[in-house]
């Protein structure tokens, strides 16, 4: 859980619509793009990150869905296999069993801050010893969160 310095609707809009711009502000991402838009609230996207922290480059192909709720927004993600996006030799295809994101207005600053809750269950795949996976999985999430905090702070300014 973290707090983003931006209005909840702006966080939701940028999180959902600006997938292809993520590499412009997150140096850990090499690419991200929408493969197909299924509905206004569901699509399939691909992401790729470069090698870091003893792990070679990875990519993901995920189906995403979101809903606006009385409390904010909820998004869910999971890996899918598509013939249109084959695995490549330069990246390992990771598997996201489930990712969930909840956005809520901050109770003390609902017009300027958003509570960002995220949980994921993923397999980086490849030949990585468990000791390394255990030491870097949390670091990857922290790096991702730090980039989001910085990005949304800049957007709010």
C-alpha atoms as a PDB file:
ATOM      1  CA  UNK A   1       0.000   0.000   0.000  1.00  0.00           C
ATOM      2  CA  UNK A   2       1.174   3.492  -0.796  1.00  0.00           C
ATOM      3  CA  UNK A   3      -0.242   6.976  -1.186  1.00  0.00           C
ATOM      4  CA  UNK A   4      -0.085   8.703  -4.562  1.00  0.00           C
ATOM      5  CA  UNK A   5      -0.258  12.486  -4.708  1.00  0.00           C
ATOM      6  CA  UNK A   6      -2.933  12.736  -7.359  1.00  0.00           C
ATOM      7  CA  UNK A   7      -6.739  12.668  -7.509  1.00  0.00           C
ATOM      8  CA  UNK A   8      -8.182   9.152  -7.706  1.00  0.00           C
ATOM      9  CA  UNK A   9      -9.855   9.685 -11.107  1.00  0.00           C
ATOM     10  CA  UNK A  10      -6.562  10.896 -12.568  1.00  0.00           C
ATOM     11  CA  UNK A  11      -4.672   7.913 -11.131  1.00  0.00           C
ATOM     12  CA  UNK A  12      -7.272   5.514 -12.542  1.00  0.00           C
ATOM     13  CA  UNK A  13      -7.312   7.186 -15.957  1.00  0.00           C
ATOM     14  CA  UNK A  14      -3.506   7.238 -16.289  1.00  0.00           C
ATOM     15  CA  UNK A  15      -3.137   3.689 -14.976  1.00  0.00           C
ATOM     16  CA  UNK A  16      -5.676   2.391 -17.478  1.00  0.00           C
ATOM     17  CA  UNK A  17      -5.191   4.571 -20.560  1.00  0.00           C
ATOM     18  CA  UNK A  18      -1.480   5.446 -20.546  1.00  0.00           C
ATOM     19  CA  UNK A  19      -0.062   1.922 -20.765  1.00  0.00           C
ATOM     20  CA  UNK A  20       2.059   2.762 -23.788  1.00  0.00           C
ATOM     21  CA  UNK A  21       3.654   5.743 -22.020  1.00  0.00           C
ATOM     22  CA  UNK A  22       4.927   3.791 -18.991  1.00  0.00           C
ATOM     23  CA  UNK A  23       8.468   3.360 -20.413  1.00  0.00           C
ATOM     24  CA  UNK A  24       8.722   7.162 -20.701  1.00  0.00           C
ATOM     25  CA  UNK A  25       8.633   7.555 -16.920  1.00  0.00           C
ATOM     26  CA  UNK A  26       9.631   4.111 -15.605  1.00  0.00           C
ATOM     27  CA  UNK A  27      13.239   3.223 -16.499  1.00  0.00           C
ATOM     28  CA  UNK A  28      12.606  -0.394 -15.467  1.00  0.00           C
ATOM     29  CA  UNK A  29      10.217  -0.873 -18.395  1.00  0.00           C
ATOM     30  CA  UNK A  30      11.467  -1.352 -21.955  1.00  0.00           C
ATOM     31  CA  UNK A  31       8.016  -1.442 -23.556  1.00  0.00           C
ATOM     32  CA  UNK A  32       4.311  -1.678 -22.823  1.00  0.00           C
ATOM     33  CA  UNK A  33       1.464  -1.676 -25.286  1.00  0.00           C
ATOM     34  CA  UNK A  34      -2.152  -2.575 -25.711  1.00  0.00           C
ATOM     35  CA  UNK A  35      -2.511  -5.654 -27.894  1.00  0.00           C
ATOM     36  CA  UNK A  36      -6.277  -5.569 -28.176  1.00  0.00           C
ATOM     37  CA  UNK A  37      -9.094  -3.646 -26.569  1.00  0.00           C
ATOM     38  CA  UNK A  38     -11.899  -6.046 -25.689  1.00  0.00           C
ATOM     39  CA  UNK A  39     -14.322  -3.522 -24.163  1.00  0.00           C
ATOM     40  CA  UNK A  40     -14.085  -0.115 -22.512  1.00  0.00           C
ATOM     41  CA  UNK A  41     -13.112  -1.867 -19.270  1.00  0.00           C
ATOM     42  CA  UNK A  42     -11.151  -4.902 -20.508  1.00  0.00           C
ATOM     43  CA  UNK A  43      -8.101  -5.351 -22.711  1.00  0.00           C
ATOM     44  CA  UNK A  44      -4.938  -7.370 -23.259  1.00  0.00           C
ATOM     45  CA  UNK A  45      -1.541  -5.735 -22.836  1.00  0.00           C
ATOM     46  CA  UNK A  46       2.114  -6.713 -22.989  1.00  0.00           C
ATOM     47  CA  UNK A  47       4.916  -5.364 -20.825  1.00  0.00           C
ATOM     48  CA  UNK A  48       8.657  -5.895 -20.957  1.00  0.00           C
ATOM     49  CA  UNK A  49      11.347  -5.012 -18.491  1.00  0.00           C
ATOM     50  CA  UNK A  50      15.089  -5.110 -18.938  1.00  0.00           C
ATOM     51  CA  UNK A  51      17.539  -7.169 -16.989  1.00  0.00           C
ATOM     52  CA  UNK A  52      18.055  -6.039 -13.404  1.00  0.00           C
ATOM     53  CA  UNK A  53      19.146  -7.346 -10.028  1.00  0.00           C
ATOM     54  CA  UNK A  54      20.579 -10.645 -11.307  1.00  0.00           C
ATOM     55  CA  UNK A  55      17.485 -11.390 -13.407  1.00  0.00           C
ATOM     56  CA  UNK A  56      17.465 -11.418 -17.201  1.00  0.00           C
ATOM     57  CA  UNK A  57      14.865  -9.486 -19.212  1.00  0.00           C
ATOM     58  CA  UNK A  58      11.245 -10.561 -18.737  1.00  0.00           C
ATOM     59  CA  UNK A  59       7.933  -9.884 -20.429  1.00  0.00           C
ATOM     60  CA  UNK A  60       4.283 -10.473 -19.640  1.00  0.00           C
ATOM     61  CA  UNK A  61       1.078 -10.723 -21.635  1.00  0.00           C
ATOM     62  CA  UNK A  62      -1.892  -9.965 -19.418  1.00  0.00           C
ATOM     63  CA  UNK A  63      -5.628  -9.542 -19.603  1.00  0.00           C
ATOM     64  CA  UNK A  64      -6.812  -6.546 -17.559  1.00  0.00           C
ATOM     65  CA  UNK A  65     -10.217  -5.509 -16.342  1.00  0.00           C
ATOM     66  CA  UNK A  66     -11.382  -2.635 -14.166  1.00  0.00           C
ATOM     67  CA  UNK A  67     -14.521  -1.505 -12.441  1.00  0.00           C
ATOM     68  CA  UNK A  68     -15.451   1.733 -10.762  1.00  0.00           C
ATOM     69  CA  UNK A  69     -17.011   1.013  -7.378  1.00  0.00           C
ATOM     70  CA  UNK A  70     -18.629   3.068  -4.635  1.00  0.00           C
ATOM     71  CA  UNK A  71     -15.243   3.066  -2.856  1.00  0.00           C
ATOM     72  CA  UNK A  72     -13.015   3.856  -5.846  1.00  0.00           C
ATOM     73  CA  UNK A  73     -11.617   1.583  -8.561  1.00  0.00           C
ATOM     74  CA  UNK A  74     -10.631  -2.067  -8.711  1.00  0.00           C
ATOM     75  CA  UNK A  75      -8.460  -3.620 -11.382  1.00  0.00           C
ATOM     76  CA  UNK A  76      -7.458  -7.227 -11.939  1.00  0.00           C
ATOM     77  CA  UNK A  77      -4.768  -8.711 -14.171  1.00  0.00           C
ATOM     78  CA  UNK A  78      -3.691 -12.217 -15.175  1.00  0.00           C
ATOM     79  CA  UNK A  79      -1.427 -13.774 -17.748  1.00  0.00           C
ATOM     80  CA  UNK A  80      -2.859 -15.064 -20.999  1.00  0.00           C
ATOM     81  CA  UNK A  81      -1.292 -16.919 -23.915  1.00  0.00           C
ATOM     82  CA  UNK A  82      -1.743 -15.400 -27.352  1.00  0.00           C
ATOM     83  CA  UNK A  83      -0.373 -16.700 -30.646  1.00  0.00           C
ATOM     84  CA  UNK A  84      -0.123 -13.058 -31.760  1.00  0.00           C
ATOM     85  CA  UNK A  85       2.542 -12.409 -29.090  1.00  0.00           C
ATOM     86  CA  UNK A  86       4.993 -15.301 -29.179  1.00  0.00           C
ATOM     87  CA  UNK A  87       7.838 -15.615 -26.711  1.00  0.00           C
ATOM     88  CA  UNK A  88      11.167 -14.255 -27.925  1.00  0.00           C
ATOM     89  CA  UNK A  89      14.707 -15.512 -27.369  1.00  0.00           C
ATOM     90  CA  UNK A  90      15.834 -12.282 -25.695  1.00  0.00           C
ATOM     91  CA  UNK A  91      13.216 -12.402 -22.884  1.00  0.00           C
ATOM     92  CA  UNK A  92      11.749 -14.917 -20.493  1.00  0.00           C
ATOM     93  CA  UNK A  93       7.945 -14.899 -20.419  1.00  0.00           C
ATOM     94  CA  UNK A  94       6.951 -14.488 -16.775  1.00  0.00           C
ATOM     95  CA  UNK A  95       3.563 -15.661 -15.536  1.00  0.00           C
ATOM     96  CA  UNK A  96       1.193 -13.491 -13.520  1.00  0.00           C
ATOM     97  CA  UNK A  97      -1.220 -15.778 -11.737  1.00  0.00           C
ATOM     98  CA  UNK A  98      -3.173 -12.841 -10.402  1.00  0.00           C
ATOM     99  CA  UNK A  99      -2.650  -9.152  -9.830  1.00  0.00           C
ATOM    100  CA  UNK A 100      -5.165  -6.913  -8.110  1.00  0.00           C
ATOM    101  CA  UNK A 101      -5.183  -3.164  -7.635  1.00  0.00           C
ATOM    102  CA  UNK A 102      -7.497  -1.041  -5.543  1.00  0.00           C
ATOM    103  CA  UNK A 103      -7.617   2.753  -5.686  1.00  0.00           C
ATOM    104  CA  UNK A 104      -9.367   4.691  -2.920  1.00  0.00           C
ATOM    105  CA  UNK A 105      -9.531   8.395  -2.141  1.00  0.00           C
ATOM    106  CA  UNK A 106      -7.332   9.274   0.817  1.00  0.00           C
ATOM    107  CA  UNK A 107      -9.723   9.875   3.764  1.00  0.00           C
ATOM    108  CA  UNK A 108      -7.927  13.046   4.893  1.00  0.00           C
ATOM    109  CA  UNK A 109      -7.115  14.414   1.412  1.00  0.00           C
ATOM    110  CA  UNK A 110      -9.729  12.980  -0.989  1.00  0.00           C
ATOM    111  CA  UNK A 111      -9.215  15.694  -3.618  1.00  0.00           C
ATOM    112  CA  UNK A 112      -5.434  15.397  -3.838  1.00  0.00           C
ATOM    113  CA  UNK A 113      -4.311  11.923  -2.743  1.00  0.00           C
ATOM    114  CA  UNK A 114      -5.110   8.319  -3.604  1.00  0.00           C
ATOM    115  CA  UNK A 115      -4.492   5.179  -1.591  1.00  0.00           C
ATOM    116  CA  UNK A 116      -2.973   2.608  -3.930  1.00  0.00           C
ATOM    117  CA  UNK A 117      -3.229  -1.045  -2.814  1.00  0.00           C
ATOM    118  CA  UNK A 118      -1.681  -3.750  -4.970  1.00  0.00           C
ATOM    119  CA  UNK A 119      -1.087  -7.456  -4.560  1.00  0.00           C
ATOM    120  CA  UNK A 120       0.424  -9.875  -7.052  1.00  0.00           C
ATOM    121  CA  UNK A 121       1.228 -13.543  -7.346  1.00  0.00           C
ATOM    122  CA  UNK A 122       3.692 -14.202 -10.139  1.00  0.00           C
ATOM    123  CA  UNK A 123       6.355 -16.590 -11.361  1.00  0.00           C
ATOM    124  CA  UNK A 124       9.406 -14.979 -12.971  1.00  0.00           C
ATOM    125  CA  UNK A 125      10.084 -18.305 -14.743  1.00  0.00           C
ATOM    126  CA  UNK A 126      13.509 -19.270 -16.021  1.00  0.00           C
ATOM    127  CA  UNK A 127      16.433 -20.712 -14.135  1.00  0.00           C
ATOM    128  CA  UNK A 128      16.527 -18.520 -11.045  1.00  0.00           C
ATOM    129  CA  UNK A 129      17.451 -19.999  -7.656  1.00  0.00           C
ATOM    130  CA  UNK A 130      14.740 -19.546  -4.995  1.00  0.00           C
ATOM    131  CA  UNK A 131      17.158 -17.591  -2.817  1.00  0.00           C
ATOM    132  CA  UNK A 132      17.508 -14.948  -5.523  1.00  0.00           C
ATOM    133  CA  UNK A 133      13.766 -14.881  -6.265  1.00  0.00           C
ATOM    134  CA  UNK A 134      12.976 -14.410  -2.582  1.00  0.00           C
ATOM    135  CA  UNK A 135      15.460 -11.561  -2.298  1.00  0.00           C
ATOM    136  CA  UNK A 136      14.406  -9.664  -5.433  1.00  0.00           C
ATOM    137  CA  UNK A 137      10.636 -10.144  -5.718  1.00  0.00           C
ATOM    138  CA  UNK A 138       9.963  -7.579  -2.998  1.00  0.00           C
ATOM    139  CA  UNK A 139      12.601  -5.237  -4.417  1.00  0.00           C
ATOM    140  CA  UNK A 140      10.888  -5.310  -7.805  1.00  0.00           C
ATOM    141  CA  UNK A 141       7.599  -4.268  -6.201  1.00  0.00           C
ATOM    142  CA  UNK A 142       9.342  -1.497  -4.230  1.00  0.00           C
ATOM    143  CA  UNK A 143      11.025  -0.170  -7.396  1.00  0.00           C
ATOM    144  CA  UNK A 144       7.688  -0.215  -9.217  1.00  0.00           C
ATOM    145  CA  UNK A 145       6.005   1.641  -6.344  1.00  0.00           C
ATOM    146  CA  UNK A 146       8.773   4.249  -6.147  1.00  0.00           C
ATOM    147  CA  UNK A 147       8.417   4.972  -9.865  1.00  0.00           C
ATOM    148  CA  UNK A 148       4.632   5.353  -9.513  1.00  0.00           C
ATOM    149  CA  UNK A 149       4.959   7.684  -6.506  1.00  0.00           C
ATOM    150  CA  UNK A 150       7.400   9.871  -8.426  1.00  0.00           C
ATOM    151  CA  UNK A 151       5.317   9.831 -11.615  1.00  0.00           C
ATOM    152  CA  UNK A 152       2.010  10.753  -9.992  1.00  0.00           C
ATOM    153  CA  UNK A 153       3.646  13.464  -7.919  1.00  0.00           C
ATOM    154  CA  UNK A 154       4.962  15.009 -11.145  1.00  0.00           C
ATOM    155  CA  UNK A 155       1.529  14.707 -12.755  1.00  0.00           C
ATOM    156  CA  UNK A 156      -0.102  16.430  -9.772  1.00  0.00           C
ATOM    157  CA  UNK A 157       2.376  19.312  -9.984  1.00  0.00           C
END
